[in-house]
Amino acid sequence: MNYQTMPKDEDERFGKMVRNFRVGNIIRGMVDPSFSAWGLEQEVSQELARRSATKPNGFLIPFEVLTRGLLVGTPTAGGHTVATNLLSNKFIDLLRPTSIVANLGATYLTGLVAKVAIPRGTGASTAYWVAENGSVTESQQSFDQLSMEPKTLAAYTDVSRKMLLQSGLDISAFVISDLRASLGQELDRVVFNGSGSGSEPSGILNNAGISTVALGTNGAALTWGNLVDLETAISQANANGESMAYVTTKQARGKLSNTLNVPTYGDFIWQNSPNPKLPGEGVVNGLRAVATTLLPSNLSKGSASGVCSSMILGAWADLLVGQWGAGLDIVLDPYTHSSNGALRVVAMTDVDFAVRHNESFVKVKDILTT
């Protein structure tokens, strides 16, 4: 978030307020009427709403601070966090895919208001050799627009009153963090493989404008030559850059880690990364390569039914991710479960994404890994 919209002293004051922001204070303030120490959080939320010119449904939590039911009575649903000698600082989170789109270098556009149209050049002027006293031929640039509009992504969880009051873990902050992570993972999944149906945007694998490289009638194993062809396709379009990286399935990574780039005397195609930024990150032909369960490994091609993996090679800086508003919109609903005192916590964010140039990406959907 850019705090430069205020005078320097006000900017520093607000920055300090954000650093002191405590997610748990907001939820506790809703649950416990006697709790009054959440004035700072209320003020930050109001300022964020003013800056973004939006009216949130609940409270805005700064992105910087940043679905399931939690109950004391059920150990696996929250009870394990209530204990006499609970080691809260040793909390063991569940296993889930690591969010990777931002780490790949996607371009984030934050603080957006209303729909967005970004001018894009589609054709350049032409240079000519001109004879002495000759006239240069006129040429024109051409343009179009890349549009994005807010699409709401939401998740919620129910937290019992006793869970909030008794847990040795800062359960309210954990709930918000978990919801934020769930939203981030779903955004990643849709960027990669969104269906385009209903309210769900269409992802890269289902974008008809992005080239698909077919390996075989019934799928085929990925070869070193295939990878070189993928990279060549992007470089020929002048779309290659520092953000070039592969994203594929865990199954494809396993296969490439056991496949030589040159028969008998070569190296394995998938190499360990010397400086990994994500779990399981590697290197393929000098480029970053990341494996994730967020890409499908159950695609079909010909007689290969439900066993094909997918892969995307792209210049990820050309993926634009728009974020509307100034923070994560948290709605605290004490009414749905008012008879038992439980609190429903709803997290919402408005996002959209677009590919700046289709030529910056290429995809494969028929990789055999067995």
Protein backbone atom coordinates (compact mmCIF):
# COMPACT_ATOMS: atom_id res chain seq x y z
CA MET A 1 0.00 0.00 0.00
CA ASN A 2 1.18 3.48 -0.81
CA TYR A 3 1.00 5.79 2.20
CA GLN A 4 2.30 8.79 0.29
CA THR A 5 -1.19 10.32 -0.01
CA MET A 6 -0.72 11.92 3.41
CA PRO A 7 1.68 14.53 4.75
CA LYS A 8 4.85 12.94 6.01
CA ASP A 9 3.93 13.10 9.70
CA GLU A 10 0.48 11.67 9.05
CA ASP A 11 2.00 9.06 6.76
CA GLU A 12 4.39 7.93 9.50
CA ARG A 13 1.59 7.89 12.07
CA PHE A 14 -0.66 5.73 9.87
CA GLY A 15 2.21 3.39 9.02
CA LYS A 16 2.82 2.89 12.74
CA MET A 17 -0.89 2.18 13.26
CA VAL A 18 -0.81 -0.49 10.57
CA ARG A 19 2.24 -2.10 12.19
CA ASN A 20 0.38 -2.20 15.52
CA PHE A 21 -2.80 -3.57 13.93
CA ARG A 22 -4.04 -6.71 15.67
CA VAL A 23 -6.50 -8.88 13.80
CA GLY A 24 -7.64 -10.55 16.99
CA ASN A 25 -8.82 -7.25 18.48
CA ILE A 26 -11.48 -6.84 15.78
CA ILE A 27 -13.02 -10.26 16.32
CA ARG A 28 -12.77 -10.05 20.08
CA GLY A 29 -14.45 -6.65 20.01
CA MET A 30 -17.43 -8.20 18.23
CA VAL A 31 -17.63 -11.18 20.57
CA ASP A 32 -16.98 -9.43 23.89
CA PRO A 33 -18.98 -6.19 24.42
CA SER A 34 -16.75 -5.29 27.37
CA PHE A 35 -13.63 -5.26 25.16
CA SER A 36 -12.86 -1.69 24.13
CA ALA A 37 -9.21 -1.86 23.03
CA TRP A 38 -9.90 -2.03 19.32
CA GLY A 39 -10.11 1.66 18.50
CA LEU A 40 -6.86 1.58 16.52
CA GLU A 41 -8.15 -1.23 14.31
CA GLN A 42 -11.42 0.62 13.69
CA GLU A 43 -9.55 3.79 12.74
CA VAL A 44 -7.28 1.95 10.31
CA SER A 45 -10.26 0.27 8.67
CA GLN A 46 -12.05 3.60 8.26
CA GLU A 47 -8.95 5.22 6.75
CA LEU A 48 -8.52 2.35 4.29
CA ALA A 49 -12.14 2.71 3.21
CA ARG A 50 -11.65 6.45 2.71
CA ARG A 51 -8.55 5.97 0.59
CA SER A 52 -10.08 3.32 -1.62
CA ALA A 53 -13.37 5.22 -2.01
CA THR A 54 -15.29 2.06 -1.20
CA LYS A 55 -17.72 1.03 1.49
CA PRO A 56 -16.73 -2.37 2.88
CA ASN A 57 -19.31 -4.87 4.06
CA GLY A 58 -17.40 -5.24 7.31
CA PHE A 59 -13.89 -4.25 8.42
CA LEU A 60 -10.93 -3.73 6.13
CA ILE A 61 -7.73 -5.47 7.16
CA PRO A 62 -4.58 -4.12 5.47
CA PHE A 63 -3.05 -6.50 2.95
CA GLU A 64 0.21 -6.11 4.84
CA VAL A 65 -1.24 -7.61 7.98
CA LEU A 66 -2.27 -10.23 6.23
CA THR A 67 -12.71 -22.74 5.47
CA ARG A 68 -13.67 -24.35 8.03
CA GLY A 69 -15.56 -24.47 11.35
CA LEU A 70 -13.62 -24.35 14.62
CA LEU A 71 -15.19 -25.84 17.75
CA VAL A 72 -13.75 -26.42 21.21
CA GLY A 73 -15.69 -29.64 21.69
CA THR A 74 -14.24 -31.38 18.62
CA PRO A 75 -10.47 -31.91 18.95
CA THR A 76 -9.70 -31.94 15.22
CA ALA A 77 -11.93 -28.88 14.67
CA GLY A 78 -10.37 -26.62 17.28
CA GLY A 79 -10.30 -28.43 20.60
CA HIS A 80 -6.62 -29.27 20.23
CA THR A 81 -5.85 -25.54 20.51
CA VAL A 82 -7.37 -25.33 24.03
CA ALA A 83 -5.00 -26.83 26.58
CA THR A 84 -3.35 -26.06 29.90
CA ASN A 85 0.20 -26.17 28.54
CA LEU A 86 -0.51 -25.54 24.89
CA LEU A 87 2.63 -24.68 22.91
CA SER A 88 0.92 -22.07 20.74
CA ASN A 89 4.19 -20.98 19.16
CA LYS A 90 4.61 -24.56 17.89
CA PHE A 91 1.22 -24.67 16.15
CA ILE A 92 1.23 -27.20 13.29
CA ASP A 93 -0.68 -25.91 10.27
CA LEU A 94 -2.29 -28.26 7.75
CA LEU A 95 -0.50 -29.25 4.57
CA ARG A 96 -1.62 -27.26 1.55
CA PRO A 97 -0.25 -25.97 -1.76
CA THR A 98 2.08 -23.01 -1.48
CA SER A 99 0.83 -19.87 -3.25
CA ILE A 100 3.23 -19.21 -6.10
CA VAL A 101 1.78 -16.69 -8.59
CA ALA A 102 3.15 -13.63 -6.77
CA ASN A 103 6.50 -15.35 -6.25
CA LEU A 104 6.78 -16.04 -9.97
CA GLY A 105 6.85 -12.29 -10.63
CA ALA A 106 3.28 -11.52 -11.70
CA THR A 107 2.51 -7.81 -11.92
CA TYR A 108 0.07 -6.73 -9.18
CA LEU A 109 -2.11 -3.65 -9.68
CA THR A 110 -3.44 -2.60 -6.26
CA GLY A 111 -5.92 -0.06 -4.96
CA LEU A 112 -8.05 -0.21 -8.12
CA VAL A 113 -11.43 1.52 -8.33
CA ALA A 114 -14.21 0.54 -10.79
CA LYS A 115 -13.41 -1.24 -14.06
CA VAL A 116 -9.94 -0.92 -15.57
CA ALA A 117 -9.00 -0.55 -19.24
CA ILE A 118 -5.28 -0.66 -20.06
CA PRO A 119 -4.17 0.60 -23.50
CA ARG A 120 -2.09 -1.98 -25.36
CA GLY A 121 -0.07 -1.55 -28.52
CA THR A 122 -0.86 -4.18 -31.18
CA GLY A 123 1.10 -2.81 -34.12
CA ALA A 124 4.21 -0.67 -34.56
CA SER A 125 5.14 1.93 -37.13
CA THR A 126 7.19 0.85 -40.15
CA ALA A 127 10.59 2.22 -41.14
CA TYR A 128 11.46 2.71 -44.84
CA TRP A 129 14.59 3.45 -46.87
CA VAL A 130 13.98 6.65 -48.79
CA ALA A 131 15.68 7.75 -52.02
CA GLU A 132 17.17 11.21 -52.30
CA ASN A 133 14.38 13.78 -52.40
CA GLY A 134 11.90 10.97 -51.86
CA SER A 135 9.01 11.02 -49.38
CA VAL A 136 8.68 8.62 -46.50
CA THR A 137 5.62 6.39 -46.49
CA GLU A 138 3.21 7.02 -43.66
CA SER A 139 2.61 4.22 -41.17
CA GLN A 140 0.37 4.00 -38.12
CA GLN A 141 0.57 2.32 -34.79
CA SER A 142 -2.45 0.28 -33.69
CA PHE A 143 -3.89 -0.22 -30.23
CA ASP A 144 -6.52 -2.08 -28.29
CA GLN A 145 -7.49 -2.28 -24.63
CA LEU A 146 -7.01 -4.91 -21.96
CA SER A 147 -9.97 -4.84 -19.57
CA MET A 148 -10.32 -6.05 -16.01
CA GLU A 149 -13.21 -5.75 -13.61
CA PRO A 150 -13.60 -6.79 -9.96
CA LYS A 151 -14.68 -10.35 -9.30
CA THR A 152 -15.43 -11.30 -5.72
CA LEU A 153 -13.54 -14.19 -4.11
CA ALA A 154 -14.81 -15.19 -0.67
CA ALA A 155 -14.50 -17.80 2.08
CA TYR A 156 -15.92 -18.14 5.59
CA THR A 157 -15.54 -20.14 8.76
CA ASP A 158 -17.55 -20.47 11.99
CA VAL A 159 -15.82 -20.02 15.34
CA SER A 160 -17.47 -20.88 18.65
CA ARG A 161 -17.59 -18.26 21.40
CA LYS A 162 -15.66 -20.46 23.83
CA MET A 163 -13.07 -21.14 21.19
CA LEU A 164 -12.35 -17.42 20.91
CA LEU A 165 -12.25 -16.83 24.66
CA GLN A 166 -10.40 -19.96 25.80
CA SER A 167 -7.86 -20.84 23.15
CA GLY A 168 -4.22 -20.35 24.15
CA LEU A 169 -3.48 -19.83 20.45
CA ASP A 170 -4.33 -16.41 19.00
CA ILE A 171 -7.14 -18.18 17.21
CA SER A 172 -8.74 -15.05 15.76
CA ALA A 173 -5.53 -14.04 13.98
CA PHE A 174 -5.07 -17.64 12.87
CA VAL A 175 -8.58 -17.76 11.39
CA ILE A 176 -7.97 -14.60 9.34
CA SER A 177 -4.57 -15.84 8.21
CA ASP A 178 -6.06 -19.17 7.19
CA LEU A 179 -8.88 -17.53 5.23
CA ARG A 180 -6.37 -15.25 3.50
CA ALA A 181 -4.26 -18.27 2.54
CA SER A 182 -7.34 -20.07 1.20
CA LEU A 183 -8.23 -17.07 -0.95
CA GLY A 184 -4.65 -16.87 -2.25
CA GLN A 185 -4.59 -20.55 -3.19
CA GLU A 186 -7.92 -20.31 -5.00
CA LEU A 187 -6.67 -17.30 -6.94
CA ASP A 188 -3.58 -19.29 -7.97
CA ARG A 189 -5.72 -22.26 -9.04
CA VAL A 190 -7.98 -20.09 -11.18
CA VAL A 191 -5.04 -18.23 -12.74
CA PHE A 192 -3.67 -21.61 -13.84
CA ASN A 193 -6.84 -23.57 -14.59
CA GLY A 194 -9.98 -21.48 -14.11
CA SER A 195 -12.95 -22.95 -15.98
CA GLY A 196 -14.39 -19.66 -17.21
CA SER A 197 -17.90 -20.82 -16.29
CA GLY A 198 -20.23 -18.96 -13.94
CA SER A 199 -18.37 -16.40 -11.85
CA GLU A 200 -15.02 -18.19 -12.25
CA PRO A 201 -12.55 -16.54 -14.66
CA SER A 202 -10.84 -18.56 -17.38
CA GLY A 203 -7.28 -19.57 -16.52
CA ILE A 204 -4.19 -19.89 -18.69
CA LEU A 205 -4.76 -23.58 -19.49
CA ASN A 206 -8.25 -22.76 -20.79
CA ASN A 207 -7.33 -19.54 -22.59
CA ALA A 208 -7.90 -20.24 -26.29
CA GLY A 209 -5.60 -17.36 -27.25
CA ILE A 210 -2.55 -19.01 -25.66
CA SER A 211 -0.73 -21.57 -27.81
CA THR A 212 -0.93 -25.25 -26.89
CA VAL A 213 1.89 -27.65 -27.76
CA ALA A 214 0.52 -31.17 -28.34
CA LEU A 215 2.90 -34.03 -27.55
CA GLY A 216 0.99 -36.93 -29.09
CA THR A 217 -2.36 -38.35 -30.17
CA ASN A 218 -2.58 -40.23 -26.89
CA GLY A 219 -0.22 -37.98 -24.96
CA ALA A 220 3.50 -38.55 -24.61
CA ALA A 221 6.42 -38.19 -22.24
CA LEU A 222 7.98 -34.74 -22.22
CA THR A 223 11.39 -34.65 -23.90
CA TRP A 224 14.29 -32.22 -23.84
CA GLY A 225 13.43 -31.30 -27.41
CA ASN A 226 9.86 -30.41 -26.37
CA LEU A 227 11.16 -28.03 -23.71
CA VAL A 228 13.51 -26.34 -26.18
CA ASP A 229 10.56 -25.92 -28.56
CA LEU A 230 8.48 -24.28 -25.81
CA GLU A 231 11.21 -21.79 -25.01
CA THR A 232 11.81 -21.09 -28.71
CA ALA A 233 8.12 -20.32 -29.29
CA ILE A 234 8.19 -17.59 -26.64
CA SER A 235 11.57 -16.16 -27.59
CA GLN A 236 10.56 -15.93 -31.27
CA ALA A 237 7.70 -13.66 -30.16
CA ASN A 238 10.22 -11.48 -28.25
CA ALA A 239 8.29 -12.29 -25.08
CA ASN A 240 11.05 -13.92 -23.08
CA GLY A 241 12.39 -12.06 -20.05
CA GLU A 242 13.74 -12.40 -16.54
CA SER A 243 10.41 -13.71 -15.22
CA MET A 244 10.43 -16.78 -17.50
CA ALA A 245 9.59 -19.91 -15.52
CA TYR A 246 7.98 -23.32 -15.81
CA VAL A 247 5.04 -24.41 -13.67
CA THR A 248 3.94 -28.03 -13.75
CA THR A 249 2.58 -30.89 -11.66
CA LYS A 250 4.38 -32.88 -9.00
CA GLN A 251 4.10 -35.97 -11.23
CA ALA A 252 5.80 -34.20 -14.15
CA ARG A 253 8.57 -33.01 -11.86
CA GLY A 254 9.18 -36.57 -10.72
CA LYS A 255 9.37 -37.80 -14.29
CA LEU A 256 11.72 -35.01 -15.42
CA SER A 257 13.94 -35.56 -12.38
CA ASN A 258 14.53 -39.08 -13.68
CA THR A 259 14.84 -38.25 -17.39
CA LEU A 260 18.19 -37.46 -19.04
CA ASN A 261 18.42 -34.51 -21.41
CA VAL A 262 20.92 -36.48 -23.51
CA PRO A 263 20.64 -40.31 -23.52
CA THR A 264 23.28 -42.19 -21.51
CA TYR A 265 25.66 -39.30 -20.77
CA GLY A 266 23.40 -36.32 -20.09
CA ASP A 267 22.11 -34.66 -16.93
CA PHE A 268 18.64 -35.03 -15.57
CA ILE A 269 16.25 -32.47 -17.07
CA TRP A 270 14.98 -31.25 -13.68
CA GLN A 271 17.86 -30.05 -11.53
CA ASN A 272 17.80 -28.80 -7.93
CA SER A 273 17.72 -25.03 -7.62
CA PRO A 274 20.78 -23.45 -5.95
CA ASN A 275 18.58 -20.72 -4.43
CA PRO A 276 15.02 -22.01 -4.17
CA LYS A 277 12.33 -19.49 -3.26
CA LEU A 278 9.52 -22.04 -3.09
CA PRO A 279 9.32 -25.62 -1.78
CA GLY A 280 10.31 -28.08 -4.47
CA GLU A 281 11.61 -25.42 -6.83
CA GLY A 282 14.11 -26.54 -9.43
CA VAL A 283 15.84 -25.53 -12.65
CA VAL A 284 15.05 -26.67 -16.19
CA ASN A 285 17.49 -25.56 -18.90
CA GLY A 286 18.55 -22.62 -16.75
CA LEU A 287 15.00 -21.43 -16.03
CA ARG A 288 13.06 -21.56 -12.75
CA ALA A 289 10.72 -24.52 -12.52
CA VAL A 290 8.02 -24.96 -9.88
CA ALA A 291 5.85 -28.00 -9.20
CA THR A 292 2.43 -27.64 -7.59
CA THR A 293 -0.78 -29.58 -7.05
CA LEU A 294 -2.70 -26.54 -8.29
CA LEU A 295 -2.15 -27.66 -11.90
CA PRO A 296 -4.22 -30.65 -13.07
CA SER A 297 -2.62 -34.06 -13.46
CA ASN A 298 -5.83 -35.89 -14.42
CA LEU A 299 -6.37 -34.63 -17.96
CA SER A 300 -7.25 -36.89 -20.90
CA LYS A 301 -5.85 -37.14 -24.43
CA GLY A 302 -7.01 -39.87 -26.80
CA SER A 303 -6.75 -43.23 -25.07
CA ALA A 304 -4.86 -41.70 -22.13
CA SER A 305 -7.82 -41.10 -19.84
CA GLY A 306 -7.37 -39.06 -16.67
CA VAL A 307 -3.59 -39.52 -16.46
CA CYS A 308 -2.12 -36.55 -18.35
CA SER A 309 -0.27 -33.75 -16.57
CA SER A 310 -0.10 -30.11 -17.59
CA MET A 311 2.66 -27.51 -17.82
CA ILE A 312 2.84 -23.76 -18.39
CA LEU A 313 5.93 -21.87 -19.53
CA GLY A 314 5.56 -18.14 -19.32
CA ALA A 315 7.05 -14.72 -18.82
CA TRP A 316 5.09 -14.20 -15.61
CA ALA A 317 5.56 -10.44 -15.43
CA ASP A 318 3.02 -10.33 -18.28
CA LEU A 319 0.37 -11.74 -15.97
CA LEU A 320 -1.54 -8.79 -14.50
CA VAL A 321 -3.36 -9.35 -11.20
CA GLY A 322 -5.72 -6.55 -10.17
CA GLN A 323 -6.79 -5.95 -6.57
CA TRP A 324 -9.67 -3.61 -5.80
CA GLY A 325 -9.95 -1.77 -2.51
CA ALA A 326 -7.29 -1.27 0.13
CA GLY A 327 -7.43 -4.48 2.10
CA LEU A 328 -9.13 -7.75 2.87
CA ASP A 329 -12.82 -7.16 3.66
CA ILE A 330 -13.74 -9.05 6.83
CA VAL A 331 -17.40 -9.41 7.79
CA LEU A 332 -18.16 -10.60 11.31
CA ASP A 333 -21.59 -12.20 11.51
CA PRO A 334 -22.81 -12.86 15.09
CA TYR A 335 -26.42 -13.41 13.98
CA THR A 336 -26.41 -16.62 11.90
CA HIS A 337 -25.47 -18.66 14.99
CA SER A 338 -26.77 -16.24 17.61
CA SER A 339 -28.50 -19.06 19.52
CA ASN A 340 -25.17 -20.63 20.45
CA GLY A 341 -22.93 -17.56 20.42
CA ALA A 342 -20.76 -18.70 17.51
CA LEU A 343 -19.28 -16.11 15.19
CA ARG A 344 -19.16 -16.47 11.41
CA VAL A 345 -16.08 -14.85 9.89
CA VAL A 346 -16.37 -14.04 6.19
CA ALA A 347 -13.39 -12.90 4.13
CA MET A 348 -13.90 -11.23 0.74
CA THR A 349 -11.61 -9.67 -1.80
CA ASP A 350 -12.20 -8.30 -5.30
CA VAL A 351 -9.67 -9.43 -7.87
CA ASP A 352 -9.23 -10.10 -11.57
CA PHE A 353 -6.36 -11.08 -13.81
CA ALA A 354 -5.40 -10.78 -17.45
CA VAL A 355 -2.52 -11.77 -19.72
CA ARG A 356 -0.80 -8.74 -21.20
CA HIS A 357 0.42 -10.70 -24.26
CA ASN A 358 -0.78 -14.20 -25.12
CA GLU A 359 2.56 -14.80 -26.82
CA SER A 360 4.24 -14.63 -23.41
CA PHE A 361 2.83 -18.04 -22.46
CA VAL A 362 2.66 -21.52 -23.90
CA LYS A 363 1.00 -24.60 -22.40
CA VAL A 364 1.08 -28.40 -22.58
CA LYS A 365 -1.88 -30.55 -21.50
CA ASP A 366 -0.97 -34.10 -22.47
CA ILE A 367 2.19 -35.06 -20.53
CA LEU A 368 2.47 -38.74 -19.66
CA THR A 369 4.40 -39.39 -16.46
CA THR A 370 4.23 -43.20 -16.14
